[in-house]
Protein backbone atom coordinates (compact mmCIF):
# COMPACT_ATOMS: atom_id res chain seq x y z
CA UNK A 1 -93.67 83.59 106.85
CA UNK A 2 -95.97 86.32 107.49
CA UNK A 3 -97.80 85.95 111.06
CA UNK A 4 -101.57 85.76 110.93
CA UNK A 5 -102.37 87.10 114.60
CA UNK A 6 -106.34 86.76 114.76
CA UNK A 7 -105.55 82.79 114.98
CA UNK A 8 -103.54 82.72 118.15
CA UNK A 9 -105.00 80.46 120.82
CA UNK A 10 -108.06 79.62 118.51
CA UNK A 11 -108.84 75.70 118.26
CA UNK A 12 -109.09 74.11 114.72
CA UNK A 13 -110.59 70.92 113.12
CA UNK A 14 -108.31 69.82 110.48
CA UNK A 15 -110.08 67.35 108.06
CA UNK A 16 -107.86 65.39 105.90
CA UNK A 17 -104.89 66.79 107.94
CA UNK A 18 -102.87 63.78 106.92
CA UNK A 19 -101.78 64.54 103.91
CA UNK A 20 -101.66 66.91 101.16
CA UNK A 21 -103.45 70.48 101.21
CA UNK A 22 -104.70 69.17 104.96
CA UNK A 23 -101.22 68.90 106.08
CA UNK A 24 -99.90 71.90 104.47
CA UNK A 25 -102.96 73.89 106.62
CA UNK A 26 -101.72 72.34 110.28
CA UNK A 27 -98.35 73.32 109.71
CA UNK A 28 -99.60 76.89 108.53
CA UNK A 29 -102.06 76.99 111.52
CA UNK A 30 -99.84 75.79 113.93
CA UNK A 31 -97.45 77.83 113.28
CA UNK A 32 -99.71 80.88 113.66
CA UNK A 33 -100.20 80.13 117.21
CA UNK A 34 -103.65 77.88 116.39
CA UNK A 35 -104.67 74.29 118.48
CA UNK A 36 -104.88 72.56 115.65
CA UNK A 37 -106.69 68.80 115.70
CA UNK A 38 -105.78 66.45 112.77
CA UNK A 39 -108.58 64.65 111.63
CA UNK A 40 -107.87 61.60 108.99
CA UNK A 41 -108.16 57.98 108.54
CA UNK A 42 -104.60 57.41 107.98
CA UNK A 43 -103.61 57.37 111.53
CA UNK A 44 -99.80 56.58 111.49
CA UNK A 45 -99.11 59.94 109.00
CA UNK A 46 -101.77 61.45 111.05
CA UNK A 47 -99.49 60.74 114.63
CA UNK A 48 -96.13 61.39 112.70
CA UNK A 49 -97.19 65.04 111.94
CA UNK A 50 -97.85 65.76 115.47
CA UNK A 51 -94.82 63.80 116.75
CA UNK A 52 -93.01 67.05 114.33
CA UNK A 53 -95.03 69.40 116.35
CA UNK A 54 -95.93 70.13 119.99
CA UNK A 55 -98.91 69.11 122.88
CA UNK A 56 -100.98 71.89 120.67
CA UNK A 57 -101.28 69.78 118.20
CA UNK A 58 -103.33 66.26 118.42
CA UNK A 59 -104.21 63.41 116.49
CA UNK A 60 -108.00 61.96 116.06
CA UNK A 61 -109.00 59.31 113.85
CA UNK A 62 -112.50 60.21 112.15
CA UNK A 63 -113.65 58.74 109.00
CA UNK A 64 -115.52 61.90 107.43
CA UNK A 65 -118.44 59.71 105.90
CA UNK A 66 -119.65 58.58 108.75
CA UNK A 67 -121.85 60.82 111.10
CA UNK A 68 -120.90 59.28 114.20
CA UNK A 69 -117.06 59.97 113.84
CA UNK A 70 -117.69 63.82 112.93
CA UNK A 71 -119.41 63.91 115.86
CA UNK A 72 -117.23 62.08 118.11
CA UNK A 73 -114.02 64.81 116.78
CA UNK A 74 -115.98 67.85 118.00
CA UNK A 75 -117.09 66.06 121.20
CA UNK A 76 -113.56 65.02 121.94
CA UNK A 77 -112.60 68.56 121.24
CA UNK A 78 -114.83 70.56 123.22
CA UNK A 79 -113.87 68.20 126.19
CA UNK A 80 -110.31 69.00 125.53
CA UNK A 81 -110.44 72.55 125.27
CA UNK A 82 -113.87 73.76 125.72
CA UNK A 83 -114.55 75.66 122.27
CA UNK A 84 -113.88 75.06 118.53
CA UNK A 85 -113.27 77.80 116.42
CA UNK A 86 -112.57 77.25 113.34
CA UNK A 87 -113.99 73.31 111.02
CA UNK A 88 -112.21 73.16 108.36
CA UNK A 89 -113.41 70.52 105.86
CA UNK A 90 -110.81 69.83 103.99
CA UNK A 91 -111.19 65.53 103.69
CA UNK A 92 -111.59 64.85 99.70
CA UNK A 93 -110.89 62.16 97.57
CA UNK A 94 -110.45 62.10 93.45
CA UNK A 95 -111.58 58.94 91.87
CA UNK A 96 -113.35 57.81 88.47
CA UNK A 97 -111.52 59.08 86.04
CA UNK A 98 -112.07 62.37 83.43
CA UNK A 99 -114.46 61.29 80.89
CA UNK A 100 -118.14 61.02 79.31
CA UNK A 101 -120.94 60.57 81.19
CA UNK A 102 -121.45 57.89 79.40
CA UNK A 103 -119.07 55.55 80.41
CA UNK A 104 -119.13 57.19 84.61
CA UNK A 105 -119.56 54.64 87.15
CA UNK A 106 -122.52 54.85 90.39
CA UNK A 107 -119.99 53.34 92.71
CA UNK A 108 -117.41 56.01 91.76
CA UNK A 109 -120.18 59.15 92.47
CA UNK A 110 -121.52 57.61 95.59
CA UNK A 111 -117.97 57.55 97.02
CA UNK A 112 -116.84 60.71 95.40
CA UNK A 113 -120.26 62.85 96.99
CA UNK A 114 -119.96 60.42 100.72
CA UNK A 115 -116.34 61.87 100.91
CA UNK A 116 -116.29 65.09 99.96
CA UNK A 117 -120.04 66.05 100.36
CA UNK A 118 -121.48 64.41 103.06
CA UNK A 119 -118.06 64.91 104.69
CA UNK A 120 -118.22 68.81 104.21
CA UNK A 121 -122.09 68.86 105.38
CA UNK A 122 -121.76 66.50 108.89
CA UNK A 123 -118.75 68.77 109.90
CA UNK A 124 -120.49 71.86 108.93
CA UNK A 125 -123.56 70.29 111.25
CA UNK A 126 -121.85 69.30 114.38
CA UNK A 127 -119.22 72.46 114.70
CA UNK A 128 -122.40 74.62 113.90
CA UNK A 129 -124.28 72.47 117.18
CA UNK A 130 -121.21 74.24 119.21
CA UNK A 131 -121.34 77.06 117.60
CA UNK A 132 -124.62 78.58 117.44
CA UNK A 133 -124.60 78.73 121.62
CA UNK A 134 -121.12 80.03 121.59
CA UNK A 135 -122.42 82.75 118.68
CA UNK A 136 -118.95 82.79 116.82
CA UNK A 137 -116.61 80.26 115.04
CA UNK A 138 -115.92 80.25 111.34
CA UNK A 139 -116.49 76.85 109.01
CA UNK A 140 -114.55 76.21 106.09
CA UNK A 141 -114.66 74.12 102.64
CA UNK A 142 -111.51 73.30 100.29
CA UNK A 143 -113.50 73.09 96.62
CA UNK A 144 -112.50 73.44 93.94
CA UNK A 145 -111.67 75.76 90.75
CA UNK A 146 -113.72 72.99 88.89
CA UNK A 147 -116.56 74.49 90.58
CA UNK A 148 -116.36 77.91 88.42
CA UNK A 149 -114.56 76.64 85.14
CA UNK A 150 -116.39 73.40 83.27
CA UNK A 151 -113.85 70.84 82.27
CA UNK A 152 -111.37 70.34 84.87
CA UNK A 153 -112.52 67.37 86.38
CA UNK A 154 -114.63 64.01 85.96
CA UNK A 155 -118.28 64.87 86.44
CA UNK A 156 -118.52 63.34 89.95
CA UNK A 157 -115.90 65.19 91.57
CA UNK A 158 -117.16 68.28 89.60
CA UNK A 159 -120.61 67.62 91.39
CA UNK A 160 -119.16 67.01 94.57
CA UNK A 161 -117.20 69.95 94.65
CA UNK A 162 -119.89 72.52 93.17
CA UNK A 163 -121.94 70.86 95.92
CA UNK A 164 -119.50 72.65 98.27
CA UNK A 165 -119.83 75.79 97.14
CA UNK A 166 -123.88 75.86 96.99
CA UNK A 167 -123.76 74.38 100.43
CA UNK A 168 -121.67 77.24 101.76
CA UNK A 169 -123.91 80.06 100.42
CA UNK A 170 -126.86 78.12 102.33
CA UNK A 171 -125.09 77.60 105.60
CA UNK A 172 -123.49 81.33 105.76
CA UNK A 173 -126.80 82.92 105.21
CA UNK A 174 -128.49 80.73 107.62
CA UNK A 175 -125.51 80.71 110.36
CA UNK A 176 -124.69 84.85 110.31
CA UNK A 177 -126.83 85.82 112.55
CA UNK A 178 -125.24 83.56 114.94
CA UNK A 179 -121.85 85.28 114.35
CA UNK A 180 -120.42 82.40 112.62
CA UNK A 181 -118.74 82.61 108.70
CA UNK A 182 -118.79 80.17 105.92
CA UNK A 183 -116.18 80.46 103.06
CA UNK A 184 -114.21 77.99 100.96
CA UNK A 185 -111.27 77.71 99.32
CA UNK A 186 -111.04 76.40 95.64
CA UNK A 187 -107.69 75.34 94.03
CA UNK A 188 -106.70 74.90 90.85
CA UNK A 189 -105.10 71.72 90.54
CA UNK A 190 -102.28 71.21 92.40
CA UNK A 191 -99.95 67.44 92.83
CA UNK A 192 -100.14 66.36 96.85
CA UNK A 193 -98.15 63.56 98.15
CA UNK A 194 -101.32 61.64 98.19
CA UNK A 195 -101.93 62.13 94.45
CA UNK A 196 -98.19 60.77 93.99
CA UNK A 197 -99.04 57.42 96.09
CA UNK A 198 -102.20 57.27 94.79
CA UNK A 199 -101.20 57.29 91.30
CA UNK A 200 -97.56 56.79 91.22
CA UNK A 201 -94.86 59.31 91.09
CA UNK A 202 -94.24 59.60 87.79
CA UNK A 203 -97.40 59.96 87.01
CA UNK A 204 -97.98 62.69 89.01
CA UNK A 205 -95.25 64.55 87.69
CA UNK A 206 -96.72 64.62 84.11
CA UNK A 207 -99.75 65.77 85.25
CA UNK A 208 -98.21 68.61 87.29
CA UNK A 209 -96.35 69.23 84.24
CA UNK A 210 -99.28 69.14 81.72
CA UNK A 211 -100.83 72.06 84.56
CA UNK A 212 -98.83 74.03 84.71
CA UNK A 213 -98.31 74.57 81.24
CA UNK A 214 -101.97 74.80 80.59
CA UNK A 215 -101.64 77.41 83.66
CA UNK A 216 -102.87 80.89 83.27
CA UNK A 217 -99.95 82.37 85.57
CA UNK A 218 -96.81 81.39 84.52
CA UNK A 219 -93.10 82.04 86.39
CA UNK A 220 -93.81 80.70 89.16
CA UNK A 221 -96.33 77.17 90.14
CA UNK A 222 -99.01 76.79 92.65
CA UNK A 223 -97.89 74.53 95.54
CA UNK A 224 -100.09 73.35 98.63
CA UNK A 225 -98.98 75.85 100.73
CA UNK A 226 -100.85 78.68 98.93
CA UNK A 227 -104.17 76.55 99.59
CA UNK A 228 -103.31 76.49 102.92
CA UNK A 229 -102.30 80.51 103.30
CA UNK A 230 -105.82 81.48 102.06
CA UNK A 231 -107.68 79.14 104.48
CA UNK A 232 -105.65 80.63 107.10
CA UNK A 233 -106.76 84.10 105.89
CA UNK A 234 -110.37 83.00 105.49
CA UNK A 235 -110.39 81.34 108.94
CA UNK A 236 -108.25 83.98 110.81
CA UNK A 237 -109.83 87.36 111.98
CA UNK A 238 -108.48 89.16 109.96
CA UNK A 239 -110.94 88.12 107.37
CA UNK A 240 -113.65 89.20 110.27
CA UNK A 241 -116.30 90.27 108.26
CA UNK A 242 -115.61 87.92 105.43
CA UNK A 243 -118.26 85.20 104.95
CA UNK A 244 -119.83 83.42 101.93
CA UNK A 245 -116.73 83.64 99.83
CA UNK A 246 -115.79 81.23 97.36
CA UNK A 247 -111.91 81.99 97.06
CA UNK A 248 -110.53 80.94 93.78
CA UNK A 249 -106.70 79.84 94.08
CA UNK A 250 -105.49 79.64 91.04
CA UNK A 251 -103.75 82.60 89.51
CA UNK A 252 -106.64 83.60 87.20
CA UNK A 253 -107.23 80.38 85.42
CA UNK A 254 -111.54 80.58 85.69
CA UNK A 255 -111.49 84.40 84.32
CA UNK A 256 -108.69 84.19 81.18
CA UNK A 257 -108.94 82.94 77.87
CA UNK A 258 -105.43 83.23 76.47
CA UNK A 259 -105.68 81.66 73.52
CA UNK A 260 -106.43 84.39 70.99
CA UNK A 261 -103.60 87.08 72.72
CA UNK A 262 -101.42 83.93 72.43
CA UNK A 263 -102.27 83.59 69.01
CA UNK A 264 -101.22 86.46 68.17
CA UNK A 265 -98.29 87.04 69.70
CA UNK A 266 -96.67 83.59 68.68
CA UNK A 267 -93.40 83.86 67.47
CA UNK A 268 -92.73 87.75 68.88
CA UNK A 269 -90.42 88.73 71.19
CA UNK A 270 -93.20 90.88 73.93
CA UNK A 271 -91.50 94.58 74.09
CA UNK A 272 -92.20 96.12 76.69
CA UNK A 273 -94.49 99.29 76.12
CA UNK A 274 -92.64 102.57 76.73
């Protein structure tokens, strides 16, 4: 794995860091020299990850939908390290179902907005209050490819992720004057351990097979490491002049409609042009 020098010695909070994309990000940030703070409600999982690493990784219990938890998280980091370089607002949930708006439940919307959007909003707010005086920092969100192309997620989930992208651009406009960069990483559908735990391993495998069958980029499969690598880049000094970017990690899915091409070539063997 290539080492991103621009993370060495940086202090990074990763919310939702105990599983899935967040867990992968924790390992990638740590391997690249960052001091990592895992923020999650899954205490046992978070502490277990810290046990695998060293004293440069710590765990802090944090429900991102509660402002007092976010405030305490940031204060704890400042007390321990004296600074906060990176706030990666990754925590998110998938609730409800992909179906008609007619059958959508407000309770699902409230729950998803409370974690996916409010959590990111509060994380950015409290990161900014310590980054603005320092006049530097990187704020990052995990959004989704569903904010770029329709039909990938439920209405509630899509609304929360589209709102995150909008929040990111507004924050980039405000915080740029203080040297703070704000970006999103937006993955295509990826099966995580938390999804498998929630819906069952068999269902998760079926979902992953379906997602890969309609993916644009073939001969490879998307993993949480692909998202984590993108996050590492955006948070690092290698992206020192990148701000206001929604980096979509989807193998070209959101910009390609292969239907016509596939219909034209179906049943014919591909011949390499001479």
